[in-house]
Amino acid sequence: VGLHPVAMKTASLIVTETGASPEGESGLRAIRTRLELLGIELVETLTVPHSIAPISEAIGKVQGEMILILTGSATSDPFDVGPEGLRSAGGQVARFGMPVDPGNLLFLGEFSGRSVLGLPGCARSPALNGADWVLERLACGLTVTNDDIAGMGVGGLLKEIPQRPQPRRGKPKK
C-alpha cells in the first residue's frame, strides 16, 4: 500500500456538443467538484462541436497540466471522435475502455507530455465511477498502464445508487 500526494495543479476540460441537447451545468459541476476535491484548478472549459477537427484544435490550445474530454455522445468506439481528435492533434491513445461499470467507456492517452482522459458519460454524475480511479492516479502524477486498468476490473460493478436504474437485477417472478 502506498500513498502519493496530488502532483497536478491544473486541468483543462474540453466538452463537445452534438446539438441534440445542451450540456447540463450539473454535469460540469460534478467534474469541477471532483477536481476541487483533489486540489486541482479547472483553468478552462472549452465547448466545441462534436467532431474530430474541433476537438483536435482544442487539445492544441488548452493550458492545463491534464486534459479532460467529455463528449456529448458516448465514446463507444476506439476510433470515435474523441480518440480520433486526440490522434489528429498529434497525441496517442494508450487505452480504450475499462472493465468497470459505471465508467467503462473512458479512453486514456497523452498529448505533448500531458495526460488526456476521455471521460465516460457517467462522469456527469457525482457518483463514484471507474474514471475516478484513473483520474486520482493521474492527478498524483502516476503512470496508468493497461495492466493497472485491467486490474481495476476485479469485481467489475461499483455500488449502485438509488438514482440509477438497476439493469442487472431481474424482474421479480410472479
Foldseek 3Di string as FASTA:
>chain_A
DDDFQFDFAEEEEEEADAPPDDDDPLLVVLVCVLCVVSNHHHPYYHYYHQAQQRLLVVVVPDDGLAYEYEYPDQQPDCCGNNNNNQVVNVKHWQDAAFLAPPFGGKTWIDDPRGIYIYGGPCSSDNDDTLVSVVVNCVSSVHDQHPVNRHVVCVVRYDDDDPVDDDVPDDDDDD
